[in-house]
């Protein structure tokens, strides 16, 4: 059980699905990024975007929080171009020796943490 209420998980679902849509991330990647089972039907993503609560699973909710943090950091780094976050995530980056999105997909929560820390230096102060 997490510390999030049903209502908070509903709000997280809508917010995270909006972020993934803004980034133009493919549905199978969305499932991976959220840590959902591979066999999750893509219609479940639509339900989340319409406000169905995310599962009460700490690992999944941590991933959602990381995605929100990455989104916020990308908008701080690129405040004038709303399309830049999706572009940045899918473009080769020397620091990651590949695409940041690939790091997040292959390394899961640890990869998301790496990307977030790279974008937001205040994360390294924790």
C-alpha atoms as a PDB file:
ATOM      1  CA  UNK A   1       0.000   0.000   0.000  1.00  0.00           C
ATOM      2  CA  UNK A   2       1.177   3.488  -0.818  1.00  0.00           C
ATOM      3  CA  UNK A   3       0.635   6.777   0.939  1.00  0.00           C
ATOM      4  CA  UNK A   4      -1.497   8.043  -1.956  1.00  0.00           C
ATOM      5  CA  UNK A   5      -5.265   8.275  -1.741  1.00  0.00           C
ATOM      6  CA  UNK A   6      -7.577   7.112  -4.504  1.00  0.00           C
ATOM      7  CA  UNK A   7      -8.107  10.738  -5.564  1.00  0.00           C
ATOM      8  CA  UNK A   8      -4.357  11.455  -5.643  1.00  0.00           C
ATOM      9  CA  UNK A   9      -3.753   8.353  -7.769  1.00  0.00           C
ATOM     10  CA  UNK A  10      -6.498   9.506 -10.148  1.00  0.00           C
ATOM     11  CA  UNK A  11      -4.834  12.930 -10.457  1.00  0.00           C
ATOM     12  CA  UNK A  12      -1.405  11.334 -10.946  1.00  0.00           C
ATOM     13  CA  UNK A  13      -2.821   9.128 -13.706  1.00  0.00           C
ATOM     14  CA  UNK A  14      -4.248  12.067 -15.636  1.00  0.00           C
ATOM     15  CA  UNK A  15      -1.098  14.138 -15.183  1.00  0.00           C
ATOM     16  CA  UNK A  16       1.356  11.380 -16.139  1.00  0.00           C
ATOM     17  CA  UNK A  17      -0.644  10.290 -19.167  1.00  0.00           C
ATOM     18  CA  UNK A  18      -0.773  13.907 -20.325  1.00  0.00           C
ATOM     19  CA  UNK A  19       3.007  14.141 -19.972  1.00  0.00           C
ATOM     20  CA  UNK A  20       3.566  10.947 -21.950  1.00  0.00           C
ATOM     21  CA  UNK A  21       1.213  12.242 -24.652  1.00  0.00           C
ATOM     22  CA  UNK A  22       3.079  15.581 -24.749  1.00  0.00           C
ATOM     23  CA  UNK A  23       6.321  13.669 -25.182  1.00  0.00           C
ATOM     24  CA  UNK A  24       4.713  11.628 -27.985  1.00  0.00           C
ATOM     25  CA  UNK A  25       5.832   8.345 -26.378  1.00  0.00           C
ATOM     26  CA  UNK A  26       4.595   5.121 -28.012  1.00  0.00           C
ATOM     27  CA  UNK A  27       2.058   3.140 -25.997  1.00  0.00           C
ATOM     28  CA  UNK A  28       4.305   0.109 -25.446  1.00  0.00           C
ATOM     29  CA  UNK A  29       6.959   2.465 -24.076  1.00  0.00           C
ATOM     30  CA  UNK A  30       4.373   4.080 -21.798  1.00  0.00           C
ATOM     31  CA  UNK A  31       3.558   0.667 -20.352  1.00  0.00           C
ATOM     32  CA  UNK A  32       7.276   0.006 -19.793  1.00  0.00           C
ATOM     33  CA  UNK A  33       7.943   3.433 -18.252  1.00  0.00           C
ATOM     34  CA  UNK A  34       5.097   2.987 -15.790  1.00  0.00           C
ATOM     35  CA  UNK A  35       6.274  -0.497 -14.890  1.00  0.00           C
ATOM     36  CA  UNK A  36       2.975  -2.079 -15.878  1.00  0.00           C
ATOM     37  CA  UNK A  37       2.914  -5.751 -16.906  1.00  0.00           C
ATOM     38  CA  UNK A  38       3.893  -6.280 -20.557  1.00  0.00           C
ATOM     39  CA  UNK A  39       0.493  -7.788 -21.330  1.00  0.00           C
ATOM     40  CA  UNK A  40      -1.301  -4.590 -20.236  1.00  0.00           C
ATOM     41  CA  UNK A  41      -3.800  -3.603 -22.906  1.00  0.00           C
ATOM     42  CA  UNK A  42      -3.266  -0.173 -24.395  1.00  0.00           C
ATOM     43  CA  UNK A  43      -6.906   0.680 -23.609  1.00  0.00           C
ATOM     44  CA  UNK A  44      -5.830   0.720 -19.950  1.00  0.00           C
ATOM     45  CA  UNK A  45      -3.654   3.738 -20.786  1.00  0.00           C
ATOM     46  CA  UNK A  46      -6.720   5.502 -22.171  1.00  0.00           C
ATOM     47  CA  UNK A  47      -8.543   4.775 -18.936  1.00  0.00           C
ATOM     48  CA  UNK A  48      -5.687   6.286 -16.950  1.00  0.00           C
ATOM     49  CA  UNK A  49      -5.712   9.390 -19.143  1.00  0.00           C
ATOM     50  CA  UNK A  50      -9.437   9.747 -18.382  1.00  0.00           C
ATOM     51  CA  UNK A  51      -8.808   9.643 -14.643  1.00  0.00           C
ATOM     52  CA  UNK A  52      -8.835   5.988 -13.652  1.00  0.00           C
ATOM     53  CA  UNK A  53      -6.576   5.729 -10.598  1.00  0.00           C
ATOM     54  CA  UNK A  54      -3.108   4.293 -11.030  1.00  0.00           C
ATOM     55  CA  UNK A  55      -2.672   0.981  -9.188  1.00  0.00           C
ATOM     56  CA  UNK A  56      -1.791   1.287  -5.513  1.00  0.00           C
ATOM     57  CA  UNK A  57       1.757   0.083  -6.139  1.00  0.00           C
ATOM     58  CA  UNK A  58       4.729   1.928  -4.654  1.00  0.00           C
ATOM     59  CA  UNK A  59       7.113   1.115  -7.529  1.00  0.00           C
ATOM     60  CA  UNK A  60       4.641   2.308 -10.159  1.00  0.00           C
ATOM     61  CA  UNK A  61       3.849   5.467  -8.214  1.00  0.00           C
ATOM     62  CA  UNK A  62       7.564   6.227  -7.800  1.00  0.00           C
ATOM     63  CA  UNK A  63       7.928   5.962 -11.571  1.00  0.00           C
ATOM     64  CA  UNK A  64       5.000   8.361 -12.007  1.00  0.00           C
ATOM     65  CA  UNK A  65       6.612  10.876  -9.648  1.00  0.00           C
ATOM     66  CA  UNK A  66       9.909  10.565 -11.530  1.00  0.00           C
ATOM     67  CA  UNK A  67       8.171  11.184 -14.862  1.00  0.00           C
ATOM     68  CA  UNK A  68       6.548  14.312 -13.421  1.00  0.00           C
ATOM     69  CA  UNK A  69       9.915  15.481 -12.071  1.00  0.00           C
ATOM     70  CA  UNK A  70      11.626  14.902 -15.419  1.00  0.00           C
ATOM     71  CA  UNK A  71       8.823  16.760 -17.175  1.00  0.00           C
ATOM     72  CA  UNK A  72       9.152  19.730 -14.831  1.00  0.00           C
ATOM     73  CA  UNK A  73      12.946  19.780 -15.181  1.00  0.00           C
ATOM     74  CA  UNK A  74      12.711  19.675 -18.978  1.00  0.00           C
ATOM     75  CA  UNK A  75      10.402  22.687 -18.944  1.00  0.00           C
ATOM     76  CA  UNK A  76      12.849  24.556 -16.724  1.00  0.00           C
ATOM     77  CA  UNK A  77      15.700  23.736 -19.110  1.00  0.00           C
ATOM     78  CA  UNK A  78      13.628  24.466 -22.247  1.00  0.00           C
ATOM     79  CA  UNK A  79      11.061  27.084 -21.143  1.00  0.00           C
ATOM     80  CA  UNK A  80      10.274  28.522 -24.567  1.00  0.00           C
ATOM     81  CA  UNK A  81       9.734  25.404 -26.665  1.00  0.00           C
ATOM     82  CA  UNK A  82       7.022  22.975 -25.489  1.00  0.00           C
ATOM     83  CA  UNK A  83       8.091  20.393 -28.123  1.00  0.00           C
ATOM     84  CA  UNK A  84      11.693  20.273 -26.901  1.00  0.00           C
ATOM     85  CA  UNK A  85      11.155  17.797 -24.013  1.00  0.00           C
ATOM     86  CA  UNK A  86       9.981  15.023 -26.343  1.00  0.00           C
ATOM     87  CA  UNK A  87      12.755  15.858 -28.788  1.00  0.00           C
ATOM     88  CA  UNK A  88      15.413  15.876 -26.063  1.00  0.00           C
ATOM     89  CA  UNK A  89      14.281  12.507 -24.708  1.00  0.00           C
ATOM     90  CA  UNK A  90      14.527  10.833 -28.110  1.00  0.00           C
ATOM     91  CA  UNK A  91      17.761  12.435 -29.323  1.00  0.00           C
ATOM     92  CA  UNK A  92      21.195  10.966 -28.716  1.00  0.00           C
ATOM     93  CA  UNK A  93      22.896  12.525 -25.712  1.00  0.00           C
ATOM     94  CA  UNK A  94      26.629  12.242 -25.116  1.00  0.00           C
ATOM     95  CA  UNK A  95      26.194  12.088 -21.338  1.00  0.00           C
ATOM     96  CA  UNK A  96      24.004   8.982 -21.635  1.00  0.00           C
ATOM     97  CA  UNK A  97      25.777   7.599 -24.710  1.00  0.00           C
ATOM     98  CA  UNK A  98      22.382   7.237 -26.302  1.00  0.00           C
ATOM     99  CA  UNK A  99      18.849   8.479 -25.946  1.00  0.00           C
ATOM    100  CA  UNK A 100      17.635   9.438 -22.455  1.00  0.00           C
ATOM    101  CA  UNK A 101      14.388   7.601 -23.246  1.00  0.00           C
ATOM    102  CA  UNK A 102      16.348   4.406 -23.899  1.00  0.00           C
ATOM    103  CA  UNK A 103      18.099   4.787 -20.540  1.00  0.00           C
ATOM    104  CA  UNK A 104      14.717   5.095 -18.831  1.00  0.00           C
ATOM    105  CA  UNK A 105      13.258   2.127 -20.702  1.00  0.00           C
ATOM    106  CA  UNK A 106      16.235  -0.178 -20.144  1.00  0.00           C
ATOM    107  CA  UNK A 107      17.120   0.795 -16.571  1.00  0.00           C
ATOM    108  CA  UNK A 108      13.638   1.442 -15.222  1.00  0.00           C
ATOM    109  CA  UNK A 109      13.405   3.555 -12.086  1.00  0.00           C
ATOM    110  CA  UNK A 110      17.207   3.796 -11.777  1.00  0.00           C
ATOM    111  CA  UNK A 111      17.394   5.135 -15.336  1.00  0.00           C
ATOM    112  CA  UNK A 112      14.637   7.635 -14.648  1.00  0.00           C
ATOM    113  CA  UNK A 113      16.536   8.763 -11.587  1.00  0.00           C
ATOM    114  CA  UNK A 114      19.707   9.207 -13.680  1.00  0.00           C
ATOM    115  CA  UNK A 115      17.854  11.309 -16.237  1.00  0.00           C
ATOM    116  CA  UNK A 116      16.130  13.422 -13.577  1.00  0.00           C
ATOM    117  CA  UNK A 117      19.417  14.010 -11.711  1.00  0.00           C
ATOM    118  CA  UNK A 118      21.119  15.021 -14.961  1.00  0.00           C
ATOM    119  CA  UNK A 119      18.409  17.593 -15.676  1.00  0.00           C
ATOM    120  CA  UNK A 120      17.919  18.883 -12.137  1.00  0.00           C
ATOM    121  CA  UNK A 121      21.111  19.408 -10.157  1.00  0.00           C
ATOM    122  CA  UNK A 122      19.111  19.963  -6.957  1.00  0.00           C
ATOM    123  CA  UNK A 123      18.206  16.238  -7.023  1.00  0.00           C
ATOM    124  CA  UNK A 124      21.871  15.498  -6.260  1.00  0.00           C
ATOM    125  CA  UNK A 125      21.613  17.371  -2.961  1.00  0.00           C
ATOM    126  CA  UNK A 126      19.281  14.813  -1.417  1.00  0.00           C
END
